[in-house]
Amino acid sequence: MRRIEPAERGSALASVVAAFAVDPLPRWIWAEDERYAGCAPAFFGLLLDLRRLGGEVWAGPRCWLLHREPRGDGPTGG
């Protein structure tokens, strides 16, 4: 696993948007396909950008991972 490069943003975003296309929560918010297609890329793009700037987006041979490393500052230490 390695941190993604800025040039990989488009591929990572497309994967995230596709992965959540059938997830119940975003589909409850954006029920119609057209609404999901219009809103999800901006929403997940912001999340991806914020996580990438924090060094929390990783790439593997066939996957993307958004992950926040435990910092020990929460009630459970993470």
C-alpha atoms as a PDB file:
ATOM      1  CA  MET A   1       0.000   0.000   0.000  1.00  0.00           C
ATOM      2  CA  ARG A   2       1.133   3.527  -0.749  1.00  0.00           C
ATOM      3  CA  ARG A   3      -0.333   7.026  -0.449  1.00  0.00           C
ATOM      4  CA  ILE A   4      -2.016   8.164  -3.640  1.00  0.00           C
ATOM      5  CA  GLU A   5      -0.608  10.848  -5.887  1.00  0.00           C
ATOM      6  CA  PRO A   6      -2.671  13.914  -6.897  1.00  0.00           C
ATOM      7  CA  ALA A   7      -2.820  12.597 -10.479  1.00  0.00           C
ATOM      8  CA  GLU A   8      -4.720   9.535  -9.212  1.00  0.00           C
ATOM      9  CA  ARG A   9      -7.607  11.579  -7.783  1.00  0.00           C
ATOM     10  CA  GLY A  10      -9.905  10.979 -10.761  1.00  0.00           C
ATOM     11  CA  SER A  11      -9.532   7.207 -10.623  1.00  0.00           C
ATOM     12  CA  ALA A  12      -9.955   7.125  -6.859  1.00  0.00           C
ATOM     13  CA  LEU A  13     -13.028   9.347  -7.006  1.00  0.00           C
ATOM     14  CA  ALA A  14     -14.640   7.267  -9.743  1.00  0.00           C
ATOM     15  CA  SER A  15     -14.097   4.140  -7.642  1.00  0.00           C
ATOM     16  CA  VAL A  16     -15.563   5.702  -4.496  1.00  0.00           C
ATOM     17  CA  VAL A  17     -18.607   7.076  -6.333  1.00  0.00           C
ATOM     18  CA  ALA A  18     -19.225   3.684  -7.962  1.00  0.00           C
ATOM     19  CA  ALA A  19     -18.735   1.827  -4.682  1.00  0.00           C
ATOM     20  CA  PHE A  20     -21.341   3.914  -2.863  1.00  0.00           C
ATOM     21  CA  ALA A  21     -23.869   3.890  -5.722  1.00  0.00           C
ATOM     22  CA  VAL A  22     -25.811   1.065  -4.053  1.00  0.00           C
ATOM     23  CA  ASP A  23     -25.090   1.946  -0.422  1.00  0.00           C
ATOM     24  CA  PRO A  24     -28.357   2.519   1.466  1.00  0.00           C
ATOM     25  CA  LEU A  25     -27.384   5.778   3.178  1.00  0.00           C
ATOM     26  CA  PRO A  26     -26.297   7.849   0.171  1.00  0.00           C
ATOM     27  CA  ARG A  27     -29.153   6.365  -1.840  1.00  0.00           C
ATOM     28  CA  TRP A  28     -31.597   7.478   0.845  1.00  0.00           C
ATOM     29  CA  ILE A  29     -30.182  11.002   0.560  1.00  0.00           C
ATOM     30  CA  TRP A  30     -29.975  10.962  -3.256  1.00  0.00           C
ATOM     31  CA  ALA A  31     -32.609   8.389  -4.209  1.00  0.00           C
ATOM     32  CA  GLU A  32     -32.865   9.146  -7.934  1.00  0.00           C
ATOM     33  CA  ASP A  33     -29.970   8.078 -10.155  1.00  0.00           C
ATOM     34  CA  GLU A  34     -29.702  11.539 -11.702  1.00  0.00           C
ATOM     35  CA  ARG A  35     -29.521  13.175  -8.263  1.00  0.00           C
ATOM     36  CA  TYR A  36     -26.833  10.723  -7.107  1.00  0.00           C
ATOM     37  CA  ALA A  37     -24.817  11.317 -10.287  1.00  0.00           C
ATOM     38  CA  GLY A  38     -25.086  15.076  -9.780  1.00  0.00           C
ATOM     39  CA  CYS A  39     -24.283  15.228  -6.062  1.00  0.00           C
ATOM     40  CA  ALA A  40     -22.135  12.239  -5.108  1.00  0.00           C
ATOM     41  CA  PRO A  41     -18.984  13.247  -7.030  1.00  0.00           C
ATOM     42  CA  ALA A  42     -18.814  16.635  -5.285  1.00  0.00           C
ATOM     43  CA  PHE A  43     -19.536  15.136  -1.857  1.00  0.00           C
ATOM     44  CA  PHE A  44     -17.091  12.251  -2.138  1.00  0.00           C
ATOM     45  CA  GLY A  45     -14.582  14.478  -3.949  1.00  0.00           C
ATOM     46  CA  LEU A  46     -14.447  16.814  -0.954  1.00  0.00           C
ATOM     47  CA  LEU A  47     -14.071  13.866   1.412  1.00  0.00           C
ATOM     48  CA  LEU A  48     -11.353  12.381  -0.774  1.00  0.00           C
ATOM     49  CA  ASP A  49      -9.474  15.689  -1.040  1.00  0.00           C
ATOM     50  CA  LEU A  50      -9.563  16.298   2.706  1.00  0.00           C
ATOM     51  CA  ARG A  51      -8.424  12.767   3.454  1.00  0.00           C
ATOM     52  CA  ARG A  52      -5.702  12.888   0.781  1.00  0.00           C
ATOM     53  CA  LEU A  53      -4.287  16.125   2.168  1.00  0.00           C
ATOM     54  CA  GLY A  54      -4.093  14.414   5.543  1.00  0.00           C
ATOM     55  CA  GLY A  55      -2.220  11.463   4.033  1.00  0.00           C
ATOM     56  CA  GLU A  56      -5.170   9.172   4.666  1.00  0.00           C
ATOM     57  CA  VAL A  57      -5.889   7.834   1.165  1.00  0.00           C
ATOM     58  CA  TRP A  58      -3.979   4.753   0.123  1.00  0.00           C
ATOM     59  CA  ALA A  59      -3.669   2.745  -3.083  1.00  0.00           C
ATOM     60  CA  GLY A  60      -3.039  -0.918  -3.571  1.00  0.00           C
ATOM     61  CA  PRO A  61      -2.724  -3.011  -6.699  1.00  0.00           C
ATOM     62  CA  ARG A  62      -6.513  -3.173  -7.162  1.00  0.00           C
ATOM     63  CA  CYS A  63      -7.991  -0.967  -4.458  1.00  0.00           C
ATOM     64  CA  TRP A  64      -8.307   2.466  -2.825  1.00  0.00           C
ATOM     65  CA  LEU A  65      -8.489   2.931   0.937  1.00  0.00           C
ATOM     66  CA  LEU A  66      -9.617   5.976   2.914  1.00  0.00           C
ATOM     67  CA  HIS A  67      -8.267   5.461   6.392  1.00  0.00           C
ATOM     68  CA  ARG A  68      -7.582   7.610   9.398  1.00  0.00           C
ATOM     69  CA  GLU A  69      -4.811   6.239  11.533  1.00  0.00           C
ATOM     70  CA  PRO A  70      -5.548   6.001  15.257  1.00  0.00           C
ATOM     71  CA  ARG A  71      -4.109   9.044  17.022  1.00  0.00           C
ATOM     72  CA  GLY A  72      -5.009   8.259  20.591  1.00  0.00           C
ATOM     73  CA  ASP A  73      -7.120  11.399  20.971  1.00  0.00           C
ATOM     74  CA  GLY A  74     -10.598   9.860  21.135  1.00  0.00           C
ATOM     75  CA  PRO A  75     -12.514   8.126  23.911  1.00  0.00           C
ATOM     76  CA  THR A  76     -11.395   4.725  22.576  1.00  0.00           C
ATOM     77  CA  GLY A  77      -7.870   5.872  21.806  1.00  0.00           C
ATOM     78  CA  GLY A  78      -8.494   6.194  18.080  1.00  0.00           C
END
